[in-house]
Amino acid sequence: VFKAVSQGNTADLHGLLDYLQLICSIPSDERNGKAALLKALLNLKDGRNDTIEVILDAAEKTEDLENLINASYTDPYYKEGGGDWWSCQTALHVAIERRSFEHVKLLVQKGADVQAKANGKFIQRTAEMGFYSGELPLSLAACTNQPDIVSFLMETPYRRADVTDRDSQGNTVLHTLVVIADNTKENTDVIAKMYDEILLQEIENTEGMTPLKLAAKLGKIENRPEMLQIEPLRSLLQNKWERFASKLFLMNFLLYVVYLTIFTAVALHRKDGKKSLVFAVCCRQHSLTCVIMYGCGQEEYVALLVLSLALAWVNLLYYLRGSKQLGMYGVMMQRMILRDLLHFLSVYCVLLFGFSAVKILIDSKSKNIRMCKIDLSYRDVRFTILEMFKFTIGMGELQFTDDLQYKEVYHILLISYIVLTYILLLNMLIALMSNTVERLSNQSENIWNLQRAFTILDMERSLPKPQRHKLLSRSSKICLPETAWTHRNFSGKKKITKHV
């Protein structure tokens, strides 16, 4: 029998029914539990093996069909430390692995268990040489990018797959998709397509994480903007923004503007030698050290006051995220400072300190120090660095070079410094910033949605628990884009229905 199914030879299976009625079961390999059906599915030729139908018909007539279809196997070749690598894998799992939609439909029609879990080591997240696919047939089909099988398992009239079912790690099919994501464009497109097929945004795994939280934890950054565009999450965020988050955000903005106006007015019109309670309260919001120094009568508090006032006004940029047009400015500034400008300063500081040291060394070796016109302040490190910085922005002066001992050498070094910083580095910085602006402009919609999602969560966390539960959305009607023909309704977090 095993030789016939391996070769796909139906002629050698004549008389199989009489043989099965005699032994009362389908033959299987005692070493690994691999039945003839599994052997046939593992030996498909051009996606077919005609012996599969013969075996199923014979098993059905002997009333052993259910045991045959749902029989699992382990292969001793894949064992490590006594653990089975293919434990509990059924014929349905094998058919999905072989990407045989025809045999998947046949097995489900004959009564295959669509919730069977293959929990061998090969499909565990900790397996070094395995492929984690969530154990369930639905998860396996989704992870291997087979949307036709996913749709069939979810909508089959025989027995529909439970999309809320979890594997041994508590992960649903969507959690599994997040785990296997690698942030490539092709992989992200597959995951986005599967998320559009399945609605499980609020389901948590054993670690208490929704798919969105799991994506953040595992660093699947590219998936999060896609997930924010998928129902019902997008409509839920829009509902929360319109109901309470936008109003709270506007109120916080107005209160902050009033506070900032008072703080600025008091700081500009403070009287020397007189303490002000209003000024101390305003300063306390930004710098506790400034308040202590002000209370002790130390004049150095002015330095901290200037810093606090400047940061207070810069913090006003946070509220730009309330506007879709202005919100991108804050993101662009942040990306440029933390990436482009930080890298530029790392290289520029090396050149600045190096050429400043050369300038100080040449000044110290000049002839007739007392008689020359060289300003002694150039031998101060801070002053020299400031003067060299002026050359970077095109404001440097060359008058002091006439009395230098090694004037020609210094001119060569100065020209090299100007070429490296003023011409090369600054233009590189401008090019990098232009590239950043262009890249962020193409992603402006997703970035703004992500910003607004963070803002909504901040506003929601700031509310007392009773008020928070009162404002939470209970139900919404969600429509897919105009190109889609389906409409989806959901109520609360558990009830999800789909209709035309």
Protein backbone atom coordinates (compact mmCIF):
# COMPACT_ATOMS: atom_id res chain seq x y z
CA VAL A 1 0.00 0.00 0.00
CA PHE A 2 2.74 2.47 0.93
CA LYS A 3 4.60 1.81 -2.30
CA ALA A 4 1.43 2.35 -4.34
CA VAL A 5 0.51 5.67 -2.69
CA SER A 6 4.11 6.91 -2.95
CA GLN A 7 4.05 6.30 -6.69
CA GLY A 8 0.45 7.49 -7.13
CA ASN A 9 -0.47 4.16 -8.72
CA THR A 10 -4.20 3.52 -8.29
CA ALA A 11 -4.03 0.21 -10.16
CA ASP A 12 -2.09 -1.40 -7.30
CA LEU A 13 -4.87 -0.44 -4.87
CA HIS A 14 -7.52 -2.71 -6.41
CA GLY A 15 -8.83 -4.92 -3.66
CA LEU A 16 -7.96 -2.34 -0.98
CA LEU A 17 -11.55 -2.29 0.31
CA ASP A 18 -11.60 -6.05 0.86
CA TYR A 19 -8.25 -5.84 2.62
CA LEU A 20 -9.43 -3.04 4.90
CA GLN A 21 -12.60 -4.91 5.80
CA LEU A 22 -10.38 -7.80 6.78
CA ILE A 23 -7.96 -5.83 9.02
CA CYS A 24 -10.61 -3.22 10.05
CA SER A 25 -8.25 -0.21 9.68
CA ILE A 26 -6.06 1.71 7.24
CA PRO A 27 -2.46 0.45 7.46
CA SER A 28 0.06 2.78 9.08
CA ASP A 29 3.75 2.77 9.88
CA GLU A 30 4.16 1.72 13.52
CA ARG A 31 7.49 3.58 13.78
CA ASN A 32 6.09 7.06 13.16
CA GLY A 33 2.30 6.74 13.00
CA LYS A 34 2.30 7.84 9.37
CA ALA A 35 -0.83 6.48 7.72
CA ALA A 36 -1.19 5.82 4.02
CA LEU A 37 -3.09 9.10 3.58
CA LEU A 38 -0.20 11.13 4.99
CA LYS A 39 2.20 9.21 2.78
CA ALA A 40 0.09 10.03 -0.28
CA LEU A 41 -0.10 13.75 0.56
CA LEU A 42 3.67 13.88 1.00
CA ASN A 43 4.13 12.49 -2.51
CA LEU A 44 2.09 14.79 -4.73
CA LYS A 45 3.01 15.09 -8.39
CA ASP A 46 1.96 18.33 -10.06
CA GLY A 47 -0.28 18.94 -7.04
CA ARG A 48 -2.16 15.64 -7.40
CA ASN A 49 -2.12 12.07 -6.18
CA ASP A 50 -5.06 10.00 -7.41
CA THR A 51 -4.62 7.43 -4.66
CA ILE A 52 -5.91 9.94 -2.07
CA GLU A 53 -9.51 9.67 -3.31
CA VAL A 54 -9.24 5.88 -3.38
CA ILE A 55 -8.01 5.75 0.21
CA LEU A 56 -10.72 8.14 1.44
CA ASP A 57 -13.50 6.22 -0.31
CA ALA A 58 -12.27 2.93 1.13
CA ALA A 59 -12.02 4.39 4.63
CA GLU A 60 -15.50 5.88 4.35
CA LYS A 61 -16.99 2.53 3.42
CA THR A 62 -15.27 0.87 6.36
CA GLU A 63 -16.51 3.64 8.70
CA ASP A 64 -12.94 4.52 9.62
CA LEU A 65 -12.82 7.85 7.75
CA GLU A 66 -12.65 10.17 10.78
CA ASN A 67 -9.78 8.29 12.39
CA LEU A 68 -7.87 8.24 9.11
CA ILE A 69 -8.22 11.94 8.29
CA ASN A 70 -7.39 13.19 11.78
CA ALA A 71 -4.56 10.73 12.46
CA SER A 72 -1.32 12.48 13.40
CA TYR A 73 2.25 11.32 13.09
CA THR A 74 5.76 11.89 14.38
CA ASP A 75 8.94 11.14 12.49
CA PRO A 76 11.83 9.75 14.55
CA TYR A 77 14.27 11.24 12.03
CA TYR A 78 13.39 14.66 13.44
CA LYS A 79 14.04 14.07 17.12
CA GLU A 80 16.23 16.03 19.46
CA GLY A 81 16.49 15.37 23.17
CA GLY A 82 13.55 12.97 22.99
CA GLY A 83 11.11 15.56 21.65
CA ASP A 84 9.04 15.06 18.51
CA TRP A 85 9.52 17.68 15.81
CA TRP A 86 6.34 16.85 13.87
CA SER A 87 4.07 15.89 16.76
CA CYS A 88 0.30 15.85 16.04
CA GLN A 89 0.61 16.97 12.43
CA THR A 90 -2.48 15.81 10.53
CA ALA A 91 -3.32 15.31 6.87
CA LEU A 92 -4.87 18.79 6.74
CA HIS A 93 -1.58 20.37 7.87
CA VAL A 94 0.32 18.45 5.20
CA ALA A 95 -2.15 19.45 2.47
CA ILE A 96 -1.76 23.12 3.43
CA GLU A 97 2.03 22.80 3.48
CA ARG A 98 1.88 21.30 -0.01
CA ARG A 99 -0.30 24.27 -1.05
CA SER A 100 -2.94 21.90 -2.43
CA PHE A 101 -6.22 23.80 -2.22
CA GLU A 102 -8.06 20.93 -3.91
CA HIS A 103 -7.04 18.40 -1.27
CA VAL A 104 -7.72 20.87 1.55
CA LYS A 105 -11.32 21.20 0.34
CA LEU A 106 -11.62 17.44 -0.01
CA LEU A 107 -10.32 16.75 3.50
CA VAL A 108 -12.56 19.37 5.11
CA GLN A 109 -15.54 18.03 3.19
CA LYS A 110 -14.77 14.53 4.49
CA GLY A 111 -14.64 15.76 8.11
CA ALA A 112 -11.07 16.90 8.81
CA ASP A 113 -10.61 18.71 12.13
CA VAL A 114 -9.92 22.36 11.22
CA GLN A 115 -8.84 23.08 14.82
CA ALA A 116 -6.24 20.30 15.05
CA LYS A 117 -3.00 21.56 16.59
CA ALA A 118 0.42 20.41 15.45
CA ASN A 119 2.63 21.16 18.44
CA GLY A 120 5.92 19.62 17.37
CA LYS A 121 9.26 21.33 17.94
CA PHE A 122 9.60 22.26 14.27
CA ILE A 123 6.82 24.87 14.50
CA GLN A 124 7.74 26.29 17.92
CA ARG A 125 9.14 29.83 18.24
CA THR A 126 12.18 28.46 20.06
CA ALA A 127 13.14 26.04 17.28
CA GLU A 128 16.44 27.02 15.65
CA MET A 129 15.74 25.05 12.46
CA GLY A 130 11.96 25.32 12.40
CA PHE A 131 9.20 27.55 11.11
CA TYR A 132 6.71 28.95 13.61
CA SER A 133 3.24 28.86 12.09
CA GLY A 134 0.90 28.90 15.07
CA GLU A 135 0.06 25.15 15.14
CA LEU A 136 -3.45 25.65 13.71
CA PRO A 137 -4.34 24.97 10.05
CA LEU A 138 -5.68 28.53 9.67
CA SER A 139 -2.46 30.01 11.04
CA LEU A 140 -0.38 27.80 8.76
CA ALA A 141 -2.34 28.92 5.69
CA ALA A 142 -2.02 32.59 6.68
CA CYS A 143 1.72 32.37 7.40
CA THR A 144 2.38 30.69 4.05
CA ASN A 145 0.39 33.34 2.13
CA GLN A 146 -2.53 31.23 0.94
CA PRO A 147 -5.52 33.61 1.13
CA ASP A 148 -7.78 31.25 -0.82
CA ILE A 149 -7.34 28.55 1.83
CA VAL A 150 -7.76 31.14 4.61
CA SER A 151 -11.07 32.30 3.14
CA PHE A 152 -12.23 28.72 2.62
CA LEU A 153 -11.44 27.66 6.21
CA MET A 154 -13.29 30.71 7.57
CA GLU A 155 -16.35 30.37 5.34
CA THR A 156 -16.68 26.65 4.62
CA PRO A 157 -20.22 25.31 5.15
CA TYR A 158 -18.87 22.05 6.61
CA ARG A 159 -17.00 23.27 9.68
CA ARG A 160 -15.64 26.78 9.92
CA ALA A 161 -12.31 27.47 11.56
CA ASP A 162 -12.54 29.37 14.84
CA VAL A 163 -10.45 32.50 14.25
CA THR A 164 -10.27 33.17 18.00
CA ASP A 165 -8.66 29.80 18.75
CA ARG A 166 -5.14 29.96 20.19
CA ASP A 167 -2.08 27.79 20.01
CA SER A 168 -0.10 26.48 22.99
CA GLN A 169 1.47 29.94 23.43
CA GLY A 170 -1.89 31.71 23.44
CA ASN A 171 -1.38 33.27 20.00
CA THR A 172 -4.18 33.63 17.49
CA VAL A 173 -3.60 33.68 13.75
CA LEU A 174 -2.94 37.45 13.83
CA HIS A 175 -0.38 37.15 16.63
CA THR A 176 1.36 34.49 14.56
CA LEU A 177 1.50 36.79 11.53
CA VAL A 178 3.16 39.48 13.65
CA VAL A 179 5.78 37.04 14.95
CA ILE A 180 6.88 35.90 11.47
CA ALA A 181 6.99 39.44 10.02
CA ASP A 182 10.43 40.55 8.81
CA ASN A 183 9.58 44.13 7.71
CA THR A 184 10.22 43.48 4.02
CA LYS A 185 7.74 45.02 1.60
CA GLU A 186 6.52 41.64 0.30
CA ASN A 187 6.06 40.26 3.80
CA THR A 188 4.27 43.40 5.00
CA ASP A 189 1.91 43.27 2.01
CA VAL A 190 1.03 39.66 2.84
CA ILE A 191 0.34 40.49 6.48
CA ALA A 192 -1.77 43.51 5.54
CA LYS A 193 -3.81 41.32 3.18
CA MET A 194 -4.38 38.72 5.89
CA TYR A 195 -5.36 41.39 8.42
CA ASP A 196 -7.95 42.58 5.95
CA GLU A 197 -9.39 39.06 5.86
CA ILE A 198 -9.51 38.50 9.63
CA LEU A 199 -10.88 40.75 12.39
CA LEU A 200 -9.14 39.99 15.68
CA GLN A 201 -7.57 43.29 16.71
CA GLU A 202 -8.61 43.06 20.39
CA ILE A 203 -7.72 39.40 21.06
CA GLU A 204 -4.87 39.02 23.59
CA ASN A 205 -2.37 36.18 23.89
CA THR A 206 -1.15 34.60 27.14
CA GLU A 207 1.15 37.58 27.72
CA GLY A 208 -1.82 39.98 27.55
CA MET A 209 -0.76 41.46 24.21
CA THR A 210 -2.95 42.33 21.27
CA PRO A 211 -1.43 41.96 17.77
CA LEU A 212 -0.63 45.70 17.74
CA LYS A 213 1.15 45.53 21.12
CA LEU A 214 3.04 42.42 20.03
CA ALA A 215 4.18 44.19 16.86
CA ALA A 216 5.55 47.04 18.97
CA LYS A 217 7.32 44.68 21.39
CA LEU A 218 8.98 42.64 18.65
CA GLY A 219 10.05 45.76 16.75
CA LYS A 220 7.85 45.11 13.70
CA ILE A 221 7.70 48.83 13.12
CA GLU A 222 6.69 48.63 9.49
CA ASN A 223 3.56 46.69 10.39
CA ARG A 224 2.11 49.28 12.78
CA PRO A 225 1.15 51.93 10.20
CA GLU A 226 -0.48 49.18 8.13
CA MET A 227 -2.44 47.94 11.15
CA LEU A 228 -3.71 51.44 11.87
CA GLN A 229 -5.33 51.46 8.41
CA ILE A 230 -7.22 48.21 8.96
CA GLU A 231 -10.70 47.88 10.34
CA PRO A 232 -11.96 47.99 13.01
CA LEU A 233 -8.97 49.75 14.55
CA ARG A 234 -9.10 52.75 12.22
CA SER A 235 -12.78 53.45 12.83
CA LEU A 236 -12.40 52.84 16.56
CA LEU A 237 -9.64 55.46 16.79
CA GLN A 238 -11.65 57.89 14.68
CA ASN A 239 -14.66 57.35 16.94
CA LYS A 240 -12.63 58.03 20.09
CA TRP A 241 -11.06 61.14 18.54
CA GLU A 242 -14.43 62.62 17.64
CA ARG A 243 -16.16 61.72 20.91
CA PHE A 244 -13.69 62.94 23.53
CA ALA A 245 -9.99 62.97 22.55
CA SER A 246 -10.19 66.01 20.25
CA LYS A 247 -12.04 68.03 22.90
CA LEU A 248 -9.57 67.12 25.64
CA PHE A 249 -6.67 67.86 23.32
CA LEU A 250 -8.07 71.32 22.48
CA MET A 251 -8.71 72.09 26.15
CA ASN A 252 -5.16 71.09 27.11
CA PHE A 253 -3.80 73.25 24.29
CA LEU A 254 -5.73 76.34 25.40
CA LEU A 255 -4.75 75.87 29.05
CA TYR A 256 -1.10 75.48 28.09
CA VAL A 257 -1.19 78.65 25.95
CA VAL A 258 -2.69 80.61 28.86
CA TYR A 259 -0.09 79.23 31.26
CA LEU A 260 2.76 79.95 28.82
CA THR A 261 1.54 83.51 28.30
CA ILE A 262 1.49 84.15 32.06
CA PHE A 263 4.90 82.55 32.51
CA THR A 264 6.45 84.68 29.74
CA ALA A 265 4.85 87.91 30.96
CA VAL A 266 5.98 87.36 34.55
CA ALA A 267 9.52 86.45 33.44
CA LEU A 268 9.86 89.57 31.27
CA HIS A 269 8.38 91.99 33.82
CA ARG A 270 9.89 90.63 37.01
CA LYS A 271 11.35 93.24 39.36
CA ASP A 272 14.92 92.88 40.52
CA GLY A 273 15.27 92.27 44.23
CA LYS A 274 11.58 91.39 44.76
CA LYS A 275 10.26 87.86 44.99
CA SER A 276 7.09 86.87 43.17
CA LEU A 277 4.89 83.91 44.15
CA VAL A 278 3.37 83.72 40.65
CA PHE A 279 6.83 83.60 39.10
CA ALA A 280 7.91 80.80 41.47
CA VAL A 281 4.80 78.75 40.66
CA CYS A 282 5.36 79.15 36.91
CA CYS A 283 9.02 78.18 37.18
CA ARG A 284 8.19 75.13 39.26
CA GLN A 285 6.55 73.53 36.25
CA HIS A 286 9.85 73.51 34.35
CA SER A 287 12.80 73.67 36.71
CA LEU A 288 12.76 72.91 40.43
CA THR A 289 16.38 74.02 40.64
CA CYS A 290 15.42 77.41 39.24
CA VAL A 291 12.82 77.84 42.01
CA ILE A 292 15.31 76.91 44.73
CA MET A 293 17.93 79.34 43.42
CA TYR A 294 15.30 82.07 43.03
CA GLY A 295 14.11 81.55 46.60
CA CYS A 296 17.68 81.73 47.89
CA GLY A 297 18.28 85.01 46.09
CA GLN A 298 20.94 83.58 43.74
CA GLU A 299 21.26 85.54 40.48
CA GLU A 300 22.32 82.38 38.62
CA TYR A 301 18.65 81.40 38.46
CA VAL A 302 18.40 83.58 35.33
CA ALA A 303 20.34 81.01 33.28
CA LEU A 304 17.90 78.27 34.25
CA LEU A 305 15.00 80.65 33.72
CA VAL A 306 16.08 81.30 30.14
CA LEU A 307 16.40 77.55 29.50
CA SER A 308 13.01 76.81 31.06
CA LEU A 309 11.28 79.53 29.06
CA ALA A 310 12.83 78.37 25.79
CA LEU A 311 11.89 74.73 26.40
CA ALA A 312 8.38 75.75 27.37
CA TRP A 313 7.85 77.40 24.00
CA VAL A 314 9.46 74.48 22.15
CA ASN A 315 7.06 72.14 23.94
CA LEU A 316 4.24 74.00 22.23
CA LEU A 317 5.19 72.09 19.06
CA TYR A 318 3.63 68.99 20.66
CA TYR A 319 0.18 70.40 19.94
CA LEU A 320 0.92 70.63 16.22
CA ARG A 321 -0.01 66.95 15.97
CA GLY A 322 -3.63 67.95 16.29
CA SER A 323 -3.43 69.31 12.73
CA LYS A 324 -2.78 67.00 9.80
CA GLN A 325 -0.95 69.73 7.86
CA LEU A 326 1.23 71.00 10.74
CA GLY A 327 1.80 67.72 12.57
CA MET A 328 4.47 66.62 10.10
CA TYR A 329 6.74 69.56 11.01
CA GLY A 330 7.32 68.21 14.49
CA VAL A 331 8.07 64.73 13.16
CA MET A 332 10.46 66.06 10.53
CA MET A 333 12.34 68.15 13.08
CA GLN A 334 12.62 65.19 15.42
CA ARG A 335 13.89 62.84 12.71
CA MET A 336 16.39 65.42 11.40
CA ILE A 337 17.79 66.17 14.85
CA LEU A 338 18.07 62.56 16.02
CA ARG A 339 19.40 61.19 12.72
CA ASP A 340 20.81 63.63 10.18
CA LEU A 341 21.97 66.41 12.51
CA LEU A 342 23.35 64.05 15.15
CA HIS A 343 25.46 62.22 12.58
CA PHE A 344 26.61 65.53 11.10
CA LEU A 345 27.67 66.88 14.51
CA SER A 346 29.62 63.70 15.29
CA VAL A 347 31.82 64.21 12.22
CA TYR A 348 31.91 68.00 12.46
CA CYS A 349 33.12 68.01 16.08
CA VAL A 350 36.11 65.88 15.11
CA LEU A 351 37.13 68.37 12.41
CA LEU A 352 36.37 71.40 14.59
CA PHE A 353 38.46 70.28 17.56
CA GLY A 354 41.28 69.00 15.35
CA PHE A 355 41.73 72.22 13.36
CA SER A 356 41.24 74.35 16.51
CA ALA A 357 44.15 72.51 18.14
CA VAL A 358 46.28 73.20 15.05
CA LYS A 359 45.40 76.92 15.21
CA ILE A 360 46.40 77.15 18.88
CA LEU A 361 49.68 75.31 18.18
CA ILE A 362 50.64 77.64 15.31
CA ASP A 363 49.87 80.72 17.41
CA SER A 364 52.07 79.46 20.23
CA LYS A 365 55.04 79.06 17.83
CA SER A 366 54.82 82.55 16.31
CA LYS A 367 57.91 84.80 16.44
CA ASN A 368 58.11 87.90 18.62
CA ILE A 369 54.98 87.10 20.59
CA ARG A 370 55.02 90.43 22.40
CA MET A 371 55.63 92.45 19.24
CA CYS A 372 53.22 90.70 16.90
CA LYS A 373 49.64 91.73 16.44
CA ILE A 374 48.22 88.29 17.15
CA ASP A 375 45.34 88.52 19.60
CA LEU A 376 46.27 86.48 22.67
CA SER A 377 42.64 85.39 22.95
CA TYR A 378 43.28 83.00 20.05
CA ARG A 379 45.26 80.89 22.45
CA ASP A 380 42.11 80.28 24.47
CA VAL A 381 40.44 77.00 23.45
CA ARG A 382 36.85 78.26 23.69
CA PHE A 383 37.56 81.44 21.74
CA THR A 384 39.43 79.53 19.02
CA ILE A 385 36.62 76.99 18.63
CA LEU A 386 34.11 79.82 18.26
CA GLU A 387 36.25 81.54 15.61
CA MET A 388 36.70 78.29 13.68
CA PHE A 389 32.94 77.78 13.81
CA LYS A 390 32.54 81.19 12.15
CA PHE A 391 34.56 79.90 9.20
CA THR A 392 32.08 77.03 8.89
CA ILE A 393 29.19 79.43 8.35
CA GLY A 394 31.21 81.87 6.21
CA MET A 395 31.78 84.60 8.83
CA GLY A 396 35.47 84.04 9.66
CA GLU A 397 38.21 86.73 9.39
CA LEU A 398 41.76 86.34 7.98
CA GLN A 399 43.33 89.54 9.35
CA PHE A 400 45.24 87.78 12.11
CA THR A 401 47.21 85.51 9.72
CA ASP A 402 49.77 88.11 8.58
CA ASP A 403 52.04 87.74 11.61
CA LEU A 404 51.98 83.96 11.87
CA GLN A 405 55.30 82.14 11.62
CA TYR A 406 53.93 79.34 9.42
CA LYS A 407 51.47 81.39 7.44
CA GLU A 408 51.51 79.21 4.28
CA VAL A 409 50.92 76.03 6.26
CA TYR A 410 48.06 77.64 8.14
CA HIS A 411 46.46 78.86 4.91
CA ILE A 412 46.54 75.33 3.50
CA LEU A 413 44.99 73.93 6.69
CA LEU A 414 42.36 76.66 6.80
CA ILE A 415 41.36 76.08 3.18
CA SER A 416 41.13 72.33 3.86
CA TYR A 417 38.93 73.02 6.90
CA ILE A 418 36.60 75.29 4.92
CA VAL A 419 36.30 72.76 2.07
CA LEU A 420 35.56 69.89 4.45
CA THR A 421 33.04 71.73 6.62
CA TYR A 422 31.53 74.68 4.77
CA ILE A 423 31.41 73.04 1.33
CA LEU A 424 31.29 69.29 1.90
CA LEU A 425 29.66 68.60 5.28
CA LEU A 426 27.03 71.34 5.13
CA ASN A 427 25.93 70.29 1.65
CA MET A 428 25.78 66.67 2.75
CA LEU A 429 23.59 67.72 5.68
CA ILE A 430 21.27 69.63 3.35
CA ALA A 431 21.03 66.61 1.02
CA LEU A 432 20.29 64.24 3.90
CA MET A 433 17.62 66.56 5.27
CA SER A 434 16.02 66.87 1.84
CA ASN A 435 15.93 63.09 1.56
CA THR A 436 14.35 62.83 5.02
CA VAL A 437 11.67 65.38 4.13
CA GLU A 438 10.87 63.57 0.88
CA ARG A 439 10.68 60.19 2.60
CA LEU A 440 8.44 61.46 5.40
CA SER A 441 6.23 63.32 2.94
CA ASN A 442 5.45 60.03 1.21
CA GLN A 443 4.46 58.53 4.57
CA SER A 444 2.72 61.60 5.98
CA GLU A 445 -0.72 59.98 6.14
CA ASN A 446 0.45 56.93 8.11
CA ILE A 447 2.73 58.96 10.38
CA TRP A 448 -0.02 61.41 11.26
CA ASN A 449 -2.44 58.56 12.00
CA LEU A 450 0.18 57.00 14.27
CA GLN A 451 0.74 60.33 16.03
CA ARG A 452 -2.97 60.79 16.56
CA ALA A 453 -3.27 57.23 17.90
CA PHE A 454 -0.61 57.99 20.53
CA THR A 455 -2.42 61.23 21.40
CA ILE A 456 -5.74 59.42 21.83
CA LEU A 457 -4.13 56.86 24.14
CA ASP A 458 -2.54 59.67 26.18
CA MET A 459 -5.88 61.45 26.50
CA GLU A 460 -7.62 58.22 27.45
CA ARG A 461 -5.06 57.35 30.13
CA SER A 462 -5.42 60.80 31.68
CA LEU A 463 -9.11 60.20 32.40
CA PRO A 464 -10.41 58.68 35.66
CA LYS A 465 -11.46 55.05 35.25
CA PRO A 466 -15.24 55.65 35.61
CA GLN A 467 -15.13 58.43 33.01
CA ARG A 468 -12.91 56.34 30.76
CA HIS A 469 -15.35 53.41 30.67
CA LYS A 470 -18.22 55.78 30.05
CA LEU A 471 -16.58 57.31 26.99
CA LEU A 472 -15.33 54.08 25.42
CA SER A 473 -16.98 53.19 22.15
CA ARG A 474 -19.46 50.34 22.40
CA SER A 475 -20.29 49.74 18.78
CA SER A 476 -19.49 51.08 15.34
CA LYS A 477 -20.35 50.37 11.75
CA ILE A 478 -17.33 49.86 9.59
CA CYS A 479 -17.20 49.95 5.82
CA LEU A 480 -14.31 48.85 3.69
CA PRO A 481 -13.03 51.06 0.84
CA GLU A 482 -15.32 51.62 -2.10
CA THR A 483 -13.53 48.96 -4.14
CA ALA A 484 -14.57 46.27 -1.68
CA TRP A 485 -18.00 44.66 -1.73
CA THR A 486 -18.19 43.54 1.88
CA HIS A 487 -19.38 45.45 4.93
CA ARG A 488 -18.43 44.49 8.44
CA ASN A 489 -20.15 45.17 11.74
CA PHE A 490 -18.76 44.69 15.18
CA SER A 491 -20.09 45.35 18.67
CA GLY A 492 -17.88 45.51 21.73
CA LYS A 493 -14.72 43.42 21.58
CA LYS A 494 -15.94 39.88 21.01
CA LYS A 495 -18.89 39.96 18.62
CA ILE A 496 -17.74 40.16 15.03
CA THR A 497 -20.03 39.43 12.11
CA LYS A 498 -19.62 39.66 8.38
CA HIS A 499 -22.36 40.11 5.80
CA VAL A 500 -22.96 41.41 2.30
